[in-house]
Amino acid sequence: MLETSARLLRLLALLQSRRDWQGGELAEELQISQRTVRRDIDRLRELGYPVNATTGTFGGYRLGAGAELPPLLLDDNEAVAVAAALRTNAVTGLEEVSLRALLKLEQVLPSRLRHRVSALQHVESVPRDSAGPALDPELLSTLAAVCRDSDTIRFDYHSHDGTPSRRRVEPHRLVNWGRRWYLVAWDCDRADWRSFRVDRIAQPQPPFGPRFTPRDFDATTYVASSTSSAAWRFTARVLVHAPADAVATRITAAVGTVEAVDDTSCVLVTGADSVEMLAVWIGMLGFDFEVTSPPELVAHVRTLAARYARAVQD
């Protein structure tokens, strides 16, 4: 049986690992009696950890939010993973906060882990062409929590033209796409899925609820398909001489959409910031195609066709 101090640390780690625990589950994990679990919970409370008792059929214990952040227990791999994420991919809109958190973490890392994290200095990441909009860390945390807990929320939202509206939604996922954060949610008043830019959401005010049953939905694909086309500088409709299913397997929602024409052809709606990139993507499909628009792409494909023809002349 674990000594009391070590057991308390193990109990705290378990409470931090997931939202709710039943007393019997904790007793089984720690190989102690439920009476001892209750005593250890009381000891954690005396040390300032806000361990709340939950009621209901699955009543038990939950580590609540306190006035101060309690020590967070991470194993070796978890600590390295957090440091790697902060060093190589600071959260969009929270870069300065991410670096402050990284410095604090590196200061307390044991020597056996510090060299693993320092090796990440030699990892290069592709720089973003522009910074994402600044975010409120508290807002991002609130939205992540209501997604996790399946709580209905209400908030004020400003669309791209500045028009304000009041929204009542069932939040499902936060998605980071194209230097921006999006909340994907079921809009209760419009009875449809919507994606909301987080930097345009006003802080939702509690109380939240009621709870809802999460729906099965691919939030990342939804955001990719709804935001990519809006960001394209050039949009093209390409007639591809291949079945729609065959073309669809070679692209993602971020690249475009496929519309069947008949059993042997389809239209690919795609786009990019340059006609050069568009031509590369279309050529990599591996199928014959016809381009009619935009005019800039038509001219570029003609130039490429002539260049390739000269390349293979006898």
Protein backbone atom coordinates (compact mmCIF):
# COMPACT_ATOMS: atom_id res chain seq x y z
CA MET A 1 0.00 0.00 0.00
CA LEU A 2 1.27 3.45 -0.83
CA GLU A 3 2.52 5.73 1.94
CA THR A 4 0.08 8.54 2.75
CA SER A 5 2.01 11.40 1.05
CA ALA A 6 2.65 9.39 -2.12
CA ARG A 7 -0.97 8.20 -2.13
CA LEU A 8 -2.24 11.79 -1.89
CA LEU A 9 -0.15 12.76 -4.92
CA ARG A 10 -1.49 9.75 -6.82
CA LEU A 11 -5.07 10.66 -5.82
CA LEU A 12 -4.54 14.23 -6.98
CA ALA A 13 -3.18 13.00 -10.32
CA LEU A 14 -6.26 10.82 -10.80
CA LEU A 15 -8.62 13.70 -10.03
CA GLN A 16 -6.78 15.85 -12.59
CA SER A 17 -6.91 13.16 -15.27
CA ARG A 18 -10.67 13.30 -15.84
CA ARG A 19 -13.71 15.28 -14.75
CA ASP A 20 -15.61 12.89 -12.43
CA TRP A 21 -14.63 9.90 -10.30
CA GLN A 22 -16.73 7.58 -8.19
CA GLY A 23 -15.40 6.67 -4.76
CA GLY A 24 -15.24 3.00 -5.70
CA GLU A 25 -13.20 3.75 -8.82
CA LEU A 26 -10.65 5.72 -6.81
CA ALA A 27 -10.46 2.99 -4.19
CA GLU A 28 -9.81 0.39 -6.88
CA GLU A 29 -7.11 2.49 -8.59
CA LEU A 30 -5.32 3.16 -5.30
CA GLN A 31 -6.00 -0.29 -3.81
CA ILE A 32 -7.46 1.17 -0.64
CA SER A 33 -10.88 1.21 1.00
CA GLN A 34 -13.53 3.80 0.21
CA ARG A 35 -13.27 5.00 3.81
CA THR A 36 -9.59 5.76 3.22
CA VAL A 37 -10.53 7.56 0.00
CA ARG A 38 -12.86 9.83 1.99
CA ARG A 39 -10.12 10.58 4.53
CA ASP A 40 -7.62 11.37 1.76
CA ILE A 41 -10.14 13.65 0.05
CA ASP A 42 -10.51 15.52 3.33
CA ARG A 43 -6.72 15.87 3.56
CA LEU A 44 -6.58 17.36 0.05
CA ARG A 45 -9.27 19.84 1.03
CA GLU A 46 -7.26 20.81 4.10
CA LEU A 47 -4.29 21.47 1.79
CA GLY A 48 -6.42 23.87 -0.27
CA TYR A 49 -7.50 21.65 -3.14
CA PRO A 50 -11.21 22.24 -3.95
CA VAL A 51 -12.47 18.65 -4.25
CA ASN A 52 -16.24 18.78 -4.72
CA ALA A 53 -18.69 15.98 -4.01
CA THR A 54 -21.10 15.24 -6.88
CA THR A 55 -24.60 13.82 -6.50
CA GLY A 56 -26.82 11.58 -8.59
CA THR A 57 -26.60 8.02 -9.81
CA PHE A 58 -22.92 8.42 -10.63
CA GLY A 59 -22.10 10.68 -7.71
CA GLY A 60 -18.52 10.91 -6.56
CA TYR A 61 -15.74 13.48 -6.60
CA ARG A 62 -14.65 16.28 -8.91
CA LEU A 63 -11.62 18.57 -8.67
CA GLY A 64 -13.05 22.08 -8.79
CA ALA A 65 -11.57 25.45 -9.64
CA GLY A 66 -9.81 27.18 -6.76
CA ALA A 67 -8.66 30.70 -6.04
CA GLU A 68 -5.14 29.66 -7.03
CA LEU A 69 -3.89 27.18 -9.60
CA PRO A 70 -2.89 23.95 -7.81
CA PRO A 71 0.19 21.99 -8.87
CA LEU A 72 -0.47 20.04 -12.05
CA LEU A 73 0.96 16.52 -12.04
CA LEU A 74 2.34 15.40 -15.40
CA ASP A 75 4.26 12.26 -16.22
CA ASP A 76 7.48 12.54 -18.26
CA ASN A 77 5.88 12.12 -21.68
CA GLU A 78 3.05 14.54 -20.87
CA ALA A 79 5.51 17.21 -19.75
CA VAL A 80 7.61 16.86 -22.91
CA ALA A 81 4.48 16.91 -25.09
CA VAL A 82 3.24 20.15 -23.49
CA ALA A 83 6.64 21.79 -23.87
CA ALA A 84 6.88 20.64 -27.49
CA ALA A 85 3.47 22.06 -28.32
CA LEU A 86 4.29 25.39 -26.69
CA ARG A 87 7.71 25.66 -28.34
CA THR A 88 6.89 24.57 -31.89
CA ASN A 89 3.29 25.67 -32.27
CA ALA A 90 2.34 28.50 -29.93
CA VAL A 91 -1.43 28.87 -29.82
CA THR A 92 -2.69 31.19 -32.54
CA GLY A 93 -3.64 34.51 -31.00
CA LEU A 94 -1.97 33.61 -27.69
CA GLU A 95 1.69 33.47 -28.74
CA GLU A 96 3.02 35.67 -25.92
CA VAL A 97 1.05 33.78 -23.27
CA SER A 98 2.26 30.47 -24.72
CA LEU A 99 5.90 31.52 -24.45
CA ARG A 100 5.44 32.65 -20.83
CA ALA A 101 3.96 29.25 -20.00
CA LEU A 102 6.88 27.52 -21.75
CA LEU A 103 9.44 29.44 -19.69
CA LYS A 104 7.68 28.50 -16.45
CA LEU A 105 7.52 24.84 -17.45
CA GLU A 106 11.18 24.65 -18.52
CA GLN A 107 12.28 26.14 -15.19
CA VAL A 108 10.83 23.22 -13.23
CA LEU A 109 11.62 20.37 -15.60
CA PRO A 110 13.97 17.74 -14.12
CA SER A 111 17.33 17.40 -15.84
CA ARG A 112 16.36 14.08 -17.42
CA LEU A 113 13.65 15.88 -19.40
CA ARG A 114 15.31 19.23 -20.01
CA HIS A 115 17.64 17.88 -22.68
CA ARG A 116 14.69 16.30 -24.53
CA VAL A 117 12.89 19.63 -24.62
CA SER A 118 16.01 21.64 -25.54
CA ALA A 119 16.45 19.41 -28.59
CA LEU A 120 13.27 20.95 -29.95
CA GLN A 121 15.19 24.18 -30.59
CA HIS A 122 16.51 22.49 -33.73
CA VAL A 123 13.01 21.81 -35.07
CA GLU A 124 11.84 24.27 -37.71
CA SER A 125 8.22 25.12 -38.31
CA VAL A 126 6.72 26.83 -41.33
CA PRO A 127 6.16 30.49 -40.43
CA ARG A 128 2.69 31.91 -40.82
CA ASP A 129 2.40 34.64 -43.46
CA SER A 130 0.48 36.81 -40.98
CA ALA A 131 -0.50 36.72 -37.35
CA GLY A 132 -3.95 35.56 -36.32
CA PRO A 133 -6.33 37.86 -34.47
CA ALA A 134 -5.65 38.32 -30.77
CA LEU A 135 -7.72 36.10 -28.48
CA ASP A 136 -8.90 36.36 -24.89
CA PRO A 137 -7.51 33.29 -23.04
CA GLU A 138 -10.50 33.31 -20.68
CA LEU A 139 -12.93 33.20 -23.62
CA LEU A 140 -11.07 30.31 -25.26
CA SER A 141 -11.07 28.41 -21.96
CA THR A 142 -14.78 29.03 -21.45
CA LEU A 143 -15.65 27.76 -24.91
CA ALA A 144 -13.46 24.68 -24.49
CA ALA A 145 -15.18 23.92 -21.17
CA VAL A 146 -18.75 24.17 -22.52
CA CYS A 147 -17.78 21.96 -25.48
CA ARG A 148 -16.43 19.39 -23.03
CA ASP A 149 -19.43 19.60 -20.71
CA SER A 150 -22.09 19.83 -23.47
CA ASP A 151 -23.62 23.00 -22.01
CA THR A 152 -25.90 25.22 -24.09
CA ILE A 153 -24.63 28.82 -24.13
CA ARG A 154 -25.80 32.25 -25.26
CA PHE A 155 -23.54 34.99 -26.56
CA ASP A 156 -23.41 38.14 -28.68
CA TYR A 157 -21.76 37.71 -32.07
CA HIS A 158 -20.52 40.22 -34.65
CA SER A 159 -20.53 39.03 -38.27
CA HIS A 160 -17.89 40.05 -40.84
CA ASP A 161 -19.80 43.25 -41.66
CA GLY A 162 -20.11 44.18 -37.99
CA THR A 163 -23.80 43.27 -37.64
CA PRO A 164 -24.49 42.13 -34.04
CA SER A 165 -26.75 39.20 -33.20
CA ARG A 166 -27.69 37.14 -30.16
CA ARG A 167 -26.98 33.41 -30.50
CA ARG A 168 -28.15 30.36 -28.55
CA VAL A 169 -26.06 27.34 -29.47
CA GLU A 170 -25.01 23.85 -28.50
CA PRO A 171 -21.18 24.04 -28.72
CA HIS A 172 -19.45 20.93 -30.05
CA ARG A 173 -15.85 21.68 -31.08
CA LEU A 174 -13.17 24.36 -31.22
CA VAL A 175 -11.23 24.22 -34.50
CA ASN A 176 -8.00 26.06 -35.33
CA TRP A 177 -7.92 26.69 -39.07
CA GLY A 178 -6.06 29.20 -41.18
CA ARG A 179 -4.63 31.26 -38.29
CA ARG A 180 -8.07 31.60 -36.71
CA TRP A 181 -10.14 29.78 -34.10
CA TYR A 182 -13.71 28.71 -34.84
CA LEU A 183 -16.47 27.43 -32.59
CA VAL A 184 -18.56 24.80 -34.37
CA ALA A 185 -22.02 24.61 -32.83
CA TRP A 186 -25.62 23.65 -33.48
CA ASP A 187 -27.59 26.91 -33.72
CA CYS A 188 -30.76 26.24 -31.73
CA ASP A 189 -32.75 29.11 -33.25
CA ARG A 190 -31.74 28.41 -36.86
CA ALA A 191 -31.81 24.60 -36.49
CA ASP A 192 -28.56 24.17 -38.40
CA TRP A 193 -24.82 23.93 -37.97
CA ARG A 194 -22.80 27.13 -37.79
CA SER A 195 -19.14 28.06 -37.37
CA PHE A 196 -18.33 31.20 -35.38
CA ARG A 197 -15.01 33.02 -35.38
CA VAL A 198 -13.92 33.08 -31.76
CA ASP A 199 -12.46 36.60 -32.03
CA ARG A 200 -15.99 37.84 -32.86
CA ILE A 201 -17.69 36.15 -29.90
CA ALA A 202 -18.44 38.14 -26.76
CA GLN A 203 -17.67 36.34 -23.49
CA PRO A 204 -20.70 34.13 -22.65
CA GLN A 205 -22.07 34.81 -19.19
CA PRO A 206 -23.18 32.02 -16.81
CA PRO A 207 -25.33 30.28 -15.90
CA PHE A 208 -24.91 27.88 -18.81
CA GLY A 209 -27.27 25.12 -19.83
CA PRO A 210 -29.28 23.08 -20.21
CA ARG A 211 -27.07 20.10 -21.01
CA PHE A 212 -27.48 18.55 -24.46
CA THR A 213 -26.59 15.25 -26.10
CA PRO A 214 -23.64 15.78 -28.48
CA ARG A 215 -24.30 15.08 -32.16
CA ASP A 216 -22.01 13.09 -34.43
CA PHE A 217 -20.46 15.70 -36.71
CA ASP A 218 -17.13 16.28 -38.49
CA ALA A 219 -16.38 19.79 -37.26
CA THR A 220 -12.95 20.09 -38.89
CA THR A 221 -14.23 19.20 -42.36
CA TYR A 222 -17.14 21.60 -41.90
CA VAL A 223 -14.84 24.50 -41.04
CA ALA A 224 -12.44 23.62 -43.85
CA SER A 225 -15.17 23.54 -46.48
CA SER A 226 -16.90 26.71 -45.26
CA THR A 227 -13.81 28.87 -44.77
CA SER A 228 -11.37 27.84 -47.49
CA SER A 229 -13.45 29.13 -50.41
CA ALA A 230 -13.90 32.48 -48.69
CA ALA A 231 -10.12 32.88 -48.42
CA TRP A 232 -9.29 31.97 -52.04
CA ARG A 233 -8.04 34.71 -54.35
CA PHE A 234 -8.80 32.61 -57.45
CA THR A 235 -11.70 30.16 -57.78
CA ALA A 236 -11.95 27.67 -60.63
CA ARG A 237 -14.54 25.22 -61.98
CA VAL A 238 -12.68 22.39 -63.68
CA LEU A 239 -14.30 19.66 -65.78
CA VAL A 240 -12.48 16.44 -64.86
CA HIS A 241 -12.83 13.39 -67.11
CA ALA A 242 -13.14 10.89 -64.27
CA PRO A 243 -15.92 9.63 -61.98
CA ALA A 244 -16.75 11.90 -59.05
CA ASP A 245 -15.91 9.20 -56.50
CA ALA A 246 -12.43 8.76 -57.97
CA VAL A 247 -11.71 12.49 -57.80
CA ALA A 248 -13.17 12.85 -54.29
CA THR A 249 -10.71 10.30 -52.90
CA ARG A 250 -7.79 12.51 -54.01
CA ILE A 251 -8.81 15.78 -52.39
CA THR A 252 -9.86 17.08 -48.98
CA ALA A 253 -12.53 19.56 -48.02
CA ALA A 254 -9.84 22.25 -47.84
CA VAL A 255 -9.02 21.76 -51.53
CA GLY A 256 -12.53 21.91 -52.96
CA THR A 257 -15.77 20.10 -53.72
CA VAL A 258 -16.74 17.62 -56.41
CA GLU A 259 -20.02 17.69 -58.36
CA ALA A 260 -20.91 14.66 -60.51
CA VAL A 261 -21.83 15.35 -64.16
CA ASP A 262 -22.30 11.75 -65.29
CA ASP A 263 -20.69 8.36 -64.66
CA THR A 264 -17.41 9.36 -66.31
CA SER A 265 -16.98 13.06 -65.52
CA CYS A 266 -17.40 15.63 -62.76
CA VAL A 267 -16.79 19.27 -61.94
CA LEU A 268 -14.17 20.19 -59.37
CA VAL A 269 -14.71 23.54 -57.65
CA THR A 270 -11.39 24.57 -56.17
CA GLY A 271 -9.25 27.61 -55.55
CA ALA A 272 -5.99 29.04 -54.29
CA ASP A 273 -4.13 32.27 -53.74
CA SER A 274 -2.29 31.88 -57.07
CA VAL A 275 -2.99 30.33 -60.47
CA GLU A 276 0.39 28.60 -60.25
CA MET A 277 -0.75 26.67 -57.17
CA LEU A 278 -4.10 25.92 -58.80
CA ALA A 279 -2.38 24.42 -61.83
CA VAL A 280 -0.18 22.24 -59.61
CA TRP A 281 -3.16 20.87 -57.67
CA ILE A 282 -5.19 20.14 -60.78
CA GLY A 283 -2.25 18.49 -62.54
CA MET A 284 -1.62 16.23 -59.53
CA LEU A 285 -5.11 14.71 -59.81
CA GLY A 286 -3.82 12.41 -62.52
CA PHE A 287 -6.88 12.79 -64.78
CA ASP A 288 -7.61 14.64 -68.02
CA PHE A 289 -9.35 17.93 -67.43
CA GLU A 290 -10.68 21.10 -69.08
CA VAL A 291 -10.29 24.59 -67.65
CA THR A 292 -12.61 27.42 -68.71
CA SER A 293 -12.22 29.89 -65.85
CA PRO A 294 -10.82 32.03 -64.42
CA PRO A 295 -9.08 33.62 -67.43
CA GLU A 296 -5.79 33.88 -65.51
CA LEU A 297 -5.75 30.11 -64.96
CA VAL A 298 -6.64 29.39 -68.60
CA ALA A 299 -3.71 31.54 -69.76
CA HIS A 300 -1.33 29.91 -67.29
CA VAL A 301 -2.32 26.36 -68.29
CA ARG A 302 -1.77 27.27 -71.97
CA THR A 303 1.69 28.56 -71.08
CA LEU A 304 2.46 25.34 -69.19
CA ALA A 305 1.15 23.18 -72.05
CA ALA A 306 3.43 24.94 -74.53
CA ARG A 307 6.40 24.71 -72.17
CA TYR A 308 5.89 20.97 -71.60
CA ALA A 309 5.43 20.39 -75.33
CA ARG A 310 8.76 22.07 -76.07
CA ALA A 311 10.38 19.97 -73.33
CA VAL A 312 9.68 16.71 -75.19
CA GLN A 313 10.35 17.84 -78.76
CA ASP A 314 12.72 15.61 -80.75
